[in-house]
């Protein structure tokens, strides 16, 4: 798409300081990766930065959950750093440029929002006339354009869900995809019996002692719980992250209290640890 055709649709110009900030980050990364730059940065590859990108994304989610604006700002900066660094690595290889990546995502946003930017060529579905007025209609239109105009076809709609996602997040995404095709529980009340069923089957598997079956049934139970989260419109990954943080906070209180009391941290003093755990819980 020729950007000159869309620039007039985008509203007010970006603040000069925002444009400069993007350019400064790009120039900084070029310097780090260039001759005389940082040996560590020069040694990195897209493969070596995969885990870092995921880690920074999770840290950003944690900061958002905590409601700490300054922390969110810092972590989003790290996400921008990793995304730009990765893009520049491919630019160095000649695969594509940072400009290509930025232009591509802008083009996609404009193409998939005909209700905002005007009709998308080859698309005459809902919203092409500008009357997409609910979030659900927008999502349906997004998928129609993705498949009908962009030709994003797969043997199964589930093939669109990355296999590289963590298992919990992937389960959530798989369920959402299936639900869009109408394969879903009609209501939340229908999911509760499924959890009871899977829990009973897990208990039976534990008694039988078959490890493979235990893994299967435990996976089924977790999958059913993800279904509950989805029907409650709660991201299970975010919910579990909150619980991890809560557990960490309370356990640290237990450690500190046991140390002050001169009591060893071991199974023989579980009663004392439980008492301090309840103390931490009450303190929240």
C-alpha atoms as a PDB file:
ATOM      1  CA  UNK A   1       0.000   0.000   0.000  1.00  0.00           C
ATOM      2  CA  UNK A   2       1.300   3.445  -0.903  1.00  0.00           C
ATOM      3  CA  UNK A   3       1.559   5.350   2.368  1.00  0.00           C
ATOM      4  CA  UNK A   4       0.767   8.558   0.534  1.00  0.00           C
ATOM      5  CA  UNK A   5      -2.736   7.212  -0.011  1.00  0.00           C
ATOM      6  CA  UNK A   6      -3.344   6.754   3.711  1.00  0.00           C
ATOM      7  CA  UNK A   7      -1.371   9.521   5.412  1.00  0.00           C
ATOM      8  CA  UNK A   8      -4.312  11.879   5.137  1.00  0.00           C
ATOM      9  CA  UNK A   9      -6.574   9.408   6.936  1.00  0.00           C
ATOM     10  CA  UNK A  10      -4.428   9.103  10.016  1.00  0.00           C
ATOM     11  CA  UNK A  11      -5.408  12.290  11.790  1.00  0.00           C
ATOM     12  CA  UNK A  12      -2.994  14.774  13.408  1.00  0.00           C
ATOM     13  CA  UNK A  13       0.722  14.413  12.778  1.00  0.00           C
ATOM     14  CA  UNK A  14       2.724  12.522  15.385  1.00  0.00           C
ATOM     15  CA  UNK A  15       4.547  14.779  17.854  1.00  0.00           C
ATOM     16  CA  UNK A  16       8.100  15.489  16.610  1.00  0.00           C
ATOM     17  CA  UNK A  17       9.503  14.117  19.857  1.00  0.00           C
ATOM     18  CA  UNK A  18       7.818  10.738  19.214  1.00  0.00           C
ATOM     19  CA  UNK A  19       9.300  10.535  15.727  1.00  0.00           C
ATOM     20  CA  UNK A  20      12.704  11.506  17.091  1.00  0.00           C
ATOM     21  CA  UNK A  21      12.446   8.911  19.862  1.00  0.00           C
ATOM     22  CA  UNK A  22      11.807   6.111  17.342  1.00  0.00           C
ATOM     23  CA  UNK A  23      14.692   7.338  15.216  1.00  0.00           C
ATOM     24  CA  UNK A  24      17.005   7.610  18.224  1.00  0.00           C
ATOM     25  CA  UNK A  25      16.274   4.024  19.262  1.00  0.00           C
ATOM     26  CA  UNK A  26      16.995   2.817  15.721  1.00  0.00           C
ATOM     27  CA  UNK A  27      20.256   4.763  15.558  1.00  0.00           C
ATOM     28  CA  UNK A  28      21.299   3.480  18.990  1.00  0.00           C
ATOM     29  CA  UNK A  29      20.748  -0.130  17.957  1.00  0.00           C
ATOM     30  CA  UNK A  30      22.653   0.399  14.697  1.00  0.00           C
ATOM     31  CA  UNK A  31      25.560   1.765  16.709  1.00  0.00           C
ATOM     32  CA  UNK A  32      25.489  -1.144  19.166  1.00  0.00           C
ATOM     33  CA  UNK A  33      25.440  -3.685  16.331  1.00  0.00           C
ATOM     34  CA  UNK A  34      27.883  -1.821  14.106  1.00  0.00           C
ATOM     35  CA  UNK A  35      31.682  -1.740  13.881  1.00  0.00           C
ATOM     36  CA  UNK A  36      33.157  -0.790  17.232  1.00  0.00           C
ATOM     37  CA  UNK A  37      29.842  -1.477  18.952  1.00  0.00           C
ATOM     38  CA  UNK A  38      29.069  -3.719  21.907  1.00  0.00           C
ATOM     39  CA  UNK A  39      30.536  -7.253  21.629  1.00  0.00           C
ATOM     40  CA  UNK A  40      27.543  -8.772  23.413  1.00  0.00           C
ATOM     41  CA  UNK A  41      24.964  -7.057  21.173  1.00  0.00           C
ATOM     42  CA  UNK A  42      26.933  -7.958  18.044  1.00  0.00           C
ATOM     43  CA  UNK A  43      26.995 -11.634  19.055  1.00  0.00           C
ATOM     44  CA  UNK A  44      23.229 -11.872  19.480  1.00  0.00           C
ATOM     45  CA  UNK A  45      20.986 -13.505  16.897  1.00  0.00           C
ATOM     46  CA  UNK A  46      17.200 -13.746  16.480  1.00  0.00           C
ATOM     47  CA  UNK A  47      17.388 -17.214  18.034  1.00  0.00           C
ATOM     48  CA  UNK A  48      19.293 -15.980  21.085  1.00  0.00           C
ATOM     49  CA  UNK A  49      16.794 -13.168  21.719  1.00  0.00           C
ATOM     50  CA  UNK A  50      13.657 -15.317  21.614  1.00  0.00           C
ATOM     51  CA  UNK A  51      13.507 -15.966  25.347  1.00  0.00           C
ATOM     52  CA  UNK A  52      14.395 -12.362  26.154  1.00  0.00           C
ATOM     53  CA  UNK A  53      11.474 -11.103  24.065  1.00  0.00           C
ATOM     54  CA  UNK A  54       9.071 -13.424  25.892  1.00  0.00           C
ATOM     55  CA  UNK A  55      10.547 -12.508  29.290  1.00  0.00           C
ATOM     56  CA  UNK A  56      10.226  -8.772  28.670  1.00  0.00           C
ATOM     57  CA  UNK A  57       6.638  -9.246  27.516  1.00  0.00           C
ATOM     58  CA  UNK A  58       5.768 -11.063  30.737  1.00  0.00           C
ATOM     59  CA  UNK A  59       7.474  -8.383  32.802  1.00  0.00           C
ATOM     60  CA  UNK A  60       5.372  -5.786  31.013  1.00  0.00           C
ATOM     61  CA  UNK A  61       2.190  -7.720  31.804  1.00  0.00           C
ATOM     62  CA  UNK A  62       3.259  -7.918  35.453  1.00  0.00           C
ATOM     63  CA  UNK A  63       3.847  -4.166  35.597  1.00  0.00           C
ATOM     64  CA  UNK A  64       0.438  -3.476  34.022  1.00  0.00           C
ATOM     65  CA  UNK A  65      -1.216  -5.792  36.547  1.00  0.00           C
ATOM     66  CA  UNK A  66       0.525  -3.973  39.409  1.00  0.00           C
ATOM     67  CA  UNK A  67      -0.757  -0.641  38.064  1.00  0.00           C
ATOM     68  CA  UNK A  68       2.714   0.897  38.294  1.00  0.00           C
ATOM     69  CA  UNK A  69       2.913   3.408  35.439  1.00  0.00           C
ATOM     70  CA  UNK A  70       6.632   4.079  35.784  1.00  0.00           C
ATOM     71  CA  UNK A  71       7.380   0.347  35.732  1.00  0.00           C
ATOM     72  CA  UNK A  72       5.113  -0.148  32.697  1.00  0.00           C
ATOM     73  CA  UNK A  73       7.003   2.611  30.890  1.00  0.00           C
ATOM     74  CA  UNK A  74      10.333   0.920  31.603  1.00  0.00           C
ATOM     75  CA  UNK A  75       9.164  -2.546  30.561  1.00  0.00           C
ATOM     76  CA  UNK A  76       7.474  -1.325  27.370  1.00  0.00           C
ATOM     77  CA  UNK A  77      10.760   0.348  26.505  1.00  0.00           C
ATOM     78  CA  UNK A  78      12.446  -3.054  26.838  1.00  0.00           C
ATOM     79  CA  UNK A  79       9.818  -4.587  24.531  1.00  0.00           C
ATOM     80  CA  UNK A  80      10.454  -1.836  21.951  1.00  0.00           C
ATOM     81  CA  UNK A  81      14.186  -2.500  22.321  1.00  0.00           C
ATOM     82  CA  UNK A  82      13.849  -6.218  21.658  1.00  0.00           C
ATOM     83  CA  UNK A  83      11.424  -5.791  18.752  1.00  0.00           C
ATOM     84  CA  UNK A  84      13.625  -3.162  17.110  1.00  0.00           C
ATOM     85  CA  UNK A  85      16.819  -5.118  17.750  1.00  0.00           C
ATOM     86  CA  UNK A  86      15.294  -8.225  16.172  1.00  0.00           C
ATOM     87  CA  UNK A  87      14.030  -6.245  13.181  1.00  0.00           C
ATOM     88  CA  UNK A  88      17.444  -4.683  12.664  1.00  0.00           C
ATOM     89  CA  UNK A  89      19.117  -8.104  12.754  1.00  0.00           C
ATOM     90  CA  UNK A  90      16.970  -9.154   9.811  1.00  0.00           C
ATOM     91  CA  UNK A  91      17.730  -5.844   8.119  1.00  0.00           C
ATOM     92  CA  UNK A  92      21.430  -6.647   8.430  1.00  0.00           C
ATOM     93  CA  UNK A  93      20.796 -10.049   6.862  1.00  0.00           C
ATOM     94  CA  UNK A  94      18.911  -8.452   3.970  1.00  0.00           C
ATOM     95  CA  UNK A  95      15.666 -10.299   4.738  1.00  0.00           C
ATOM     96  CA  UNK A  96      13.618  -7.139   5.383  1.00  0.00           C
ATOM     97  CA  UNK A  97      14.134  -3.716   6.942  1.00  0.00           C
ATOM     98  CA  UNK A  98      12.852  -2.113  10.115  1.00  0.00           C
ATOM     99  CA  UNK A  99      10.870   0.193   7.831  1.00  0.00           C
ATOM    100  CA  UNK A 100       9.280  -2.853   6.187  1.00  0.00           C
ATOM    101  CA  UNK A 101       8.149  -4.222   9.545  1.00  0.00           C
ATOM    102  CA  UNK A 102       6.671  -0.897  10.694  1.00  0.00           C
ATOM    103  CA  UNK A 103       5.011  -0.192   7.346  1.00  0.00           C
ATOM    104  CA  UNK A 104       3.590  -3.701   7.185  1.00  0.00           C
ATOM    105  CA  UNK A 105       1.840  -3.460  10.527  1.00  0.00           C
ATOM    106  CA  UNK A 106       0.480   0.017   9.702  1.00  0.00           C
ATOM    107  CA  UNK A 107      -0.835  -1.253   6.365  1.00  0.00           C
ATOM    108  CA  UNK A 108      -2.468  -4.198   8.115  1.00  0.00           C
ATOM    109  CA  UNK A 109      -4.170  -1.977  10.688  1.00  0.00           C
ATOM    110  CA  UNK A 110      -5.550   0.284   7.971  1.00  0.00           C
ATOM    111  CA  UNK A 111      -6.644  -2.638   5.781  1.00  0.00           C
ATOM    112  CA  UNK A 112      -8.436  -4.396   8.650  1.00  0.00           C
ATOM    113  CA  UNK A 113     -10.265  -1.253   9.833  1.00  0.00           C
ATOM    114  CA  UNK A 114     -12.350  -0.208   6.820  1.00  0.00           C
ATOM    115  CA  UNK A 115     -14.934   1.230   9.228  1.00  0.00           C
ATOM    116  CA  UNK A 116     -12.296   3.790  10.223  1.00  0.00           C
ATOM    117  CA  UNK A 117     -10.090   4.285   7.152  1.00  0.00           C
ATOM    118  CA  UNK A 118     -12.445   3.527   4.278  1.00  0.00           C
ATOM    119  CA  UNK A 119     -13.263   0.471   2.204  1.00  0.00           C
ATOM    120  CA  UNK A 120     -10.609  -2.203   1.834  1.00  0.00           C
ATOM    121  CA  UNK A 121     -10.058  -3.300  -1.744  1.00  0.00           C
ATOM    122  CA  UNK A 122     -11.706  -6.662  -2.403  1.00  0.00           C
ATOM    123  CA  UNK A 123     -13.741  -6.600   0.808  1.00  0.00           C
ATOM    124  CA  UNK A 124     -17.471  -6.057   0.796  1.00  0.00           C
ATOM    125  CA  UNK A 125     -18.357  -7.648   4.119  1.00  0.00           C
ATOM    126  CA  UNK A 126     -19.815  -6.110   7.292  1.00  0.00           C
ATOM    127  CA  UNK A 127     -18.125  -2.857   8.171  1.00  0.00           C
ATOM    128  CA  UNK A 128     -17.038  -2.037   4.636  1.00  0.00           C
ATOM    129  CA  UNK A 129     -19.777   0.576   4.645  1.00  0.00           C
ATOM    130  CA  UNK A 130     -18.521   2.077   7.912  1.00  0.00           C
ATOM    131  CA  UNK A 131     -21.290   0.638  10.091  1.00  0.00           C
ATOM    132  CA  UNK A 132     -19.207  -1.651  12.307  1.00  0.00           C
ATOM    133  CA  UNK A 133     -20.308  -0.293  15.665  1.00  0.00           C
ATOM    134  CA  UNK A 134     -19.497  -3.017  18.209  1.00  0.00           C
ATOM    135  CA  UNK A 135     -16.296  -4.769  19.300  1.00  0.00           C
ATOM    136  CA  UNK A 136     -17.698  -8.187  18.282  1.00  0.00           C
ATOM    137  CA  UNK A 137     -18.463  -6.936  14.767  1.00  0.00           C
ATOM    138  CA  UNK A 138     -14.964  -5.516  14.486  1.00  0.00           C
ATOM    139  CA  UNK A 139     -13.408  -8.858  15.452  1.00  0.00           C
ATOM    140  CA  UNK A 140     -15.596 -10.721  12.955  1.00  0.00           C
ATOM    141  CA  UNK A 141     -14.633  -8.251  10.233  1.00  0.00           C
ATOM    142  CA  UNK A 142     -10.941  -8.600  11.152  1.00  0.00           C
ATOM    143  CA  UNK A 143     -11.113 -12.367  10.577  1.00  0.00           C
ATOM    144  CA  UNK A 144     -13.041 -11.980   7.315  1.00  0.00           C
ATOM    145  CA  UNK A 145     -10.421  -9.622   5.909  1.00  0.00           C
ATOM    146  CA  UNK A 146      -7.587 -11.785   7.206  1.00  0.00           C
ATOM    147  CA  UNK A 147      -8.896 -14.839   5.369  1.00  0.00           C
ATOM    148  CA  UNK A 148     -10.868 -13.394   2.472  1.00  0.00           C
ATOM    149  CA  UNK A 149      -8.711 -10.460   1.377  1.00  0.00           C
ATOM    150  CA  UNK A 150      -5.249 -11.386   2.637  1.00  0.00           C
ATOM    151  CA  UNK A 151      -5.631 -15.059   1.823  1.00  0.00           C
ATOM    152  CA  UNK A 152      -4.507 -16.289   5.250  1.00  0.00           C
ATOM    153  CA  UNK A 153      -5.792 -19.819   4.790  1.00  0.00           C
ATOM    154  CA  UNK A 154      -4.958 -22.959   6.779  1.00  0.00           C
ATOM    155  CA  UNK A 155      -6.149 -26.549   6.910  1.00  0.00           C
ATOM    156  CA  UNK A 156      -7.705 -25.717  10.278  1.00  0.00           C
ATOM    157  CA  UNK A 157      -8.465 -22.461  12.062  1.00  0.00           C
ATOM    158  CA  UNK A 158      -6.449 -23.902  14.949  1.00  0.00           C
ATOM    159  CA  UNK A 159      -3.345 -23.863  12.742  1.00  0.00           C
ATOM    160  CA  UNK A 160      -3.400 -20.082  13.180  1.00  0.00           C
ATOM    161  CA  UNK A 161      -2.440 -20.511  16.855  1.00  0.00           C
ATOM    162  CA  UNK A 162       1.323 -20.525  17.294  1.00  0.00           C
ATOM    163  CA  UNK A 163       2.816 -23.740  18.640  1.00  0.00           C
ATOM    164  CA  UNK A 164       5.495 -21.608  20.270  1.00  0.00           C
ATOM    165  CA  UNK A 165       3.077 -20.109  22.802  1.00  0.00           C
ATOM    166  CA  UNK A 166       3.256 -21.255  26.433  1.00  0.00           C
ATOM    167  CA  UNK A 167       0.786 -24.119  26.985  1.00  0.00           C
ATOM    168  CA  UNK A 168      -1.630 -22.153  29.172  1.00  0.00           C
ATOM    169  CA  UNK A 169      -1.899 -19.242  26.757  1.00  0.00           C
ATOM    170  CA  UNK A 170      -2.133 -21.609  23.774  1.00  0.00           C
ATOM    171  CA  UNK A 171      -5.022 -23.511  25.376  1.00  0.00           C
ATOM    172  CA  UNK A 172      -6.854 -20.209  25.836  1.00  0.00           C
ATOM    173  CA  UNK A 173      -6.235 -19.198  22.228  1.00  0.00           C
ATOM    174  CA  UNK A 174      -7.260 -22.598  20.837  1.00  0.00           C
ATOM    175  CA  UNK A 175     -10.529 -22.422  22.744  1.00  0.00           C
ATOM    176  CA  UNK A 176     -11.234 -18.904  21.500  1.00  0.00           C
ATOM    177  CA  UNK A 177     -10.647 -19.986  17.904  1.00  0.00           C
ATOM    178  CA  UNK A 178     -12.966 -22.992  18.289  1.00  0.00           C
ATOM    179  CA  UNK A 179     -15.599 -20.817  19.965  1.00  0.00           C
ATOM    180  CA  UNK A 180     -15.595 -18.440  16.983  1.00  0.00           C
ATOM    181  CA  UNK A 181     -16.632 -21.422  14.852  1.00  0.00           C
ATOM    182  CA  UNK A 182     -19.517 -22.116  17.245  1.00  0.00           C
ATOM    183  CA  UNK A 183     -17.817 -25.012  19.061  1.00  0.00           C
ATOM    184  CA  UNK A 184     -18.321 -23.866  22.631  1.00  0.00           C
ATOM    185  CA  UNK A 185     -20.284 -24.360  25.800  1.00  0.00           C
ATOM    186  CA  UNK A 186     -23.496 -22.377  25.655  1.00  0.00           C
ATOM    187  CA  UNK A 187     -23.005 -20.874  29.104  1.00  0.00           C
ATOM    188  CA  UNK A 188     -20.683 -20.904  32.091  1.00  0.00           C
ATOM    189  CA  UNK A 189     -22.968 -23.178  34.113  1.00  0.00           C
ATOM    190  CA  UNK A 190     -22.365 -25.921  31.545  1.00  0.00           C
ATOM    191  CA  UNK A 191     -18.607 -25.865  32.215  1.00  0.00           C
ATOM    192  CA  UNK A 192     -18.700 -26.551  35.970  1.00  0.00           C
ATOM    193  CA  UNK A 193     -19.799 -30.211  35.593  1.00  0.00           C
ATOM    194  CA  UNK A 194     -16.922 -30.727  33.137  1.00  0.00           C
ATOM    195  CA  UNK A 195     -14.452 -29.663  35.823  1.00  0.00           C
ATOM    196  CA  UNK A 196     -16.040 -32.091  38.302  1.00  0.00           C
ATOM    197  CA  UNK A 197     -15.818 -34.838  35.681  1.00  0.00           C
ATOM    198  CA  UNK A 198     -12.155 -34.155  34.860  1.00  0.00           C
ATOM    199  CA  UNK A 199     -11.220 -33.906  38.541  1.00  0.00           C
ATOM    200  CA  UNK A 200     -12.822 -37.303  39.230  1.00  0.00           C
ATOM    201  CA  UNK A 201     -10.967 -38.838  36.288  1.00  0.00           C
ATOM    202  CA  UNK A 202      -7.687 -37.394  37.552  1.00  0.00           C
ATOM    203  CA  UNK A 203      -8.261 -38.934  40.980  1.00  0.00           C
ATOM    204  CA  UNK A 204      -8.937 -42.294  39.353  1.00  0.00           C
ATOM    205  CA  UNK A 205      -5.728 -41.964  37.318  1.00  0.00           C
ATOM    206  CA  UNK A 206      -3.702 -41.189  40.440  1.00  0.00           C
ATOM    207  CA  UNK A 207      -5.059 -44.331  42.111  1.00  0.00           C
ATOM    208  CA  UNK A 208      -4.240 -46.458  39.068  1.00  0.00           C
ATOM    209  CA  UNK A 209      -0.663 -45.182  39.158  1.00  0.00           C
ATOM    210  CA  UNK A 210      -0.263 -44.747  35.399  1.00  0.00           C
ATOM    211  CA  UNK A 211       1.902 -41.677  34.830  1.00  0.00           C
ATOM    212  CA  UNK A 212       0.823 -41.140  31.216  1.00  0.00           C
ATOM    213  CA  UNK A 213      -2.814 -41.259  32.204  1.00  0.00           C
ATOM    214  CA  UNK A 214      -2.193 -38.876  35.120  1.00  0.00           C
ATOM    215  CA  UNK A 215      -0.622 -36.385  32.706  1.00  0.00           C
ATOM    216  CA  UNK A 216      -3.541 -36.771  30.286  1.00  0.00           C
ATOM    217  CA  UNK A 217      -6.182 -36.254  32.952  1.00  0.00           C
ATOM    218  CA  UNK A 218      -4.330 -33.378  34.611  1.00  0.00           C
ATOM    219  CA  UNK A 219      -4.073 -31.695  31.211  1.00  0.00           C
ATOM    220  CA  UNK A 220      -7.815 -32.201  30.661  1.00  0.00           C
ATOM    221  CA  UNK A 221      -8.563 -30.616  34.037  1.00  0.00           C
ATOM    222  CA  UNK A 222      -6.349 -27.609  33.304  1.00  0.00           C
ATOM    223  CA  UNK A 223      -7.978 -27.243  29.882  1.00  0.00           C
ATOM    224  CA  UNK A 224     -11.427 -27.243  31.494  1.00  0.00           C
ATOM    225  CA  UNK A 225     -10.326 -24.576  33.979  1.00  0.00           C
ATOM    226  CA  UNK A 226      -9.108 -22.446  31.064  1.00  0.00           C
ATOM    227  CA  UNK A 227     -12.625 -22.787  29.666  1.00  0.00           C
ATOM    228  CA  UNK A 228     -14.010 -21.299  32.879  1.00  0.00           C
ATOM    229  CA  UNK A 229     -11.542 -18.413  32.655  1.00  0.00           C
ATOM    230  CA  UNK A 230     -12.537 -17.759  29.049  1.00  0.00           C
ATOM    231  CA  UNK A 231     -16.251 -17.680  29.869  1.00  0.00           C
ATOM    232  CA  UNK A 232     -15.494 -15.279  32.710  1.00  0.00           C
ATOM    233  CA  UNK A 233     -13.493 -13.157  30.219  1.00  0.00           C
ATOM    234  CA  UNK A 234     -10.375 -13.558  32.361  1.00  0.00           C
ATOM    235  CA  UNK A 235      -6.983 -14.226  30.792  1.00  0.00           C
ATOM    236  CA  UNK A 236      -5.771 -17.379  32.590  1.00  0.00           C
ATOM    237  CA  UNK A 237      -2.124 -16.421  32.145  1.00  0.00           C
ATOM    238  CA  UNK A 238      -2.707 -13.057  33.793  1.00  0.00           C
ATOM    239  CA  UNK A 239      -4.742 -14.682  36.577  1.00  0.00           C
ATOM    240  CA  UNK A 240      -1.996 -17.216  37.279  1.00  0.00           C
ATOM    241  CA  UNK A 241       0.626 -14.458  37.213  1.00  0.00           C
ATOM    242  CA  UNK A 242      -1.338 -12.622  39.909  1.00  0.00           C
ATOM    243  CA  UNK A 243      -1.476 -15.786  42.009  1.00  0.00           C
ATOM    244  CA  UNK A 244       2.250 -16.407  41.539  1.00  0.00           C
ATOM    245  CA  UNK A 245       2.934 -12.893  42.794  1.00  0.00           C
ATOM    246  CA  UNK A 246       0.575 -13.398  45.742  1.00  0.00           C
ATOM    247  CA  UNK A 247       2.209 -16.705  46.682  1.00  0.00           C
ATOM    248  CA  UNK A 248       5.672 -15.137  46.440  1.00  0.00           C
ATOM    249  CA  UNK A 249       4.637 -12.196  48.613  1.00  0.00           C
ATOM    250  CA  UNK A 250       3.114 -14.385  51.321  1.00  0.00           C
ATOM    251  CA  UNK A 251       5.932 -16.945  51.306  1.00  0.00           C
ATOM    252  CA  UNK A 252       8.520 -14.193  51.734  1.00  0.00           C
ATOM    253  CA  UNK A 253       6.555 -13.024  54.782  1.00  0.00           C
ATOM    254  CA  UNK A 254       6.705 -16.573  56.154  1.00  0.00           C
ATOM    255  CA  UNK A 255      10.479 -16.719  55.578  1.00  0.00           C
ATOM    256  CA  UNK A 256      11.044 -13.385  57.306  1.00  0.00           C
ATOM    257  CA  UNK A 257       8.771 -14.238  60.249  1.00  0.00           C
ATOM    258  CA  UNK A 258      10.373 -17.655  60.757  1.00  0.00           C
ATOM    259  CA  UNK A 259      13.812 -16.057  60.702  1.00  0.00           C
ATOM    260  CA  UNK A 260      12.811 -13.467  63.303  1.00  0.00           C
ATOM    261  CA  UNK A 261      11.372 -16.195  65.490  1.00  0.00           C
ATOM    262  CA  UNK A 262      14.495 -18.333  65.118  1.00  0.00           C
ATOM    263  CA  UNK A 263      12.502 -21.265  63.753  1.00  0.00           C
ATOM    264  CA  UNK A 264      14.002 -23.417  60.959  1.00  0.00           C
ATOM    265  CA  UNK A 265      12.166 -23.646  57.664  1.00  0.00           C
ATOM    266  CA  UNK A 266      11.401 -27.365  57.454  1.00  0.00           C
ATOM    267  CA  UNK A 267       8.440 -29.743  57.404  1.00  0.00           C
ATOM    268  CA  UNK A 268       8.572 -30.303  61.167  1.00  0.00           C
ATOM    269  CA  UNK A 269       7.534 -26.662  61.692  1.00  0.00           C
ATOM    270  CA  UNK A 270       4.700 -26.599  59.185  1.00  0.00           C
ATOM    271  CA  UNK A 271       2.197 -25.442  61.821  1.00  0.00           C
ATOM    272  CA  UNK A 272       4.256 -22.316  62.537  1.00  0.00           C
ATOM    273  CA  UNK A 273       4.658 -21.640  58.813  1.00  0.00           C
ATOM    274  CA  UNK A 274       0.895 -22.000  58.296  1.00  0.00           C
ATOM    275  CA  UNK A 275       0.306 -19.515  61.087  1.00  0.00           C
ATOM    276  CA  UNK A 276       2.595 -16.930  59.522  1.00  0.00           C
ATOM    277  CA  UNK A 277       0.999 -17.615  56.124  1.00  0.00           C
ATOM    278  CA  UNK A 278      -2.424 -16.804  57.588  1.00  0.00           C
ATOM    279  CA  UNK A 279      -0.905 -13.687  59.143  1.00  0.00           C
ATOM    280  CA  UNK A 280       0.332 -12.557  55.739  1.00  0.00           C
ATOM    281  CA  UNK A 281      -3.081 -13.284  54.235  1.00  0.00           C
ATOM    282  CA  UNK A 282      -4.859 -11.233  56.898  1.00  0.00           C
ATOM    283  CA  UNK A 283      -2.414  -8.390  56.314  1.00  0.00           C
ATOM    284  CA  UNK A 284      -3.582  -8.069  52.714  1.00  0.00           C
END
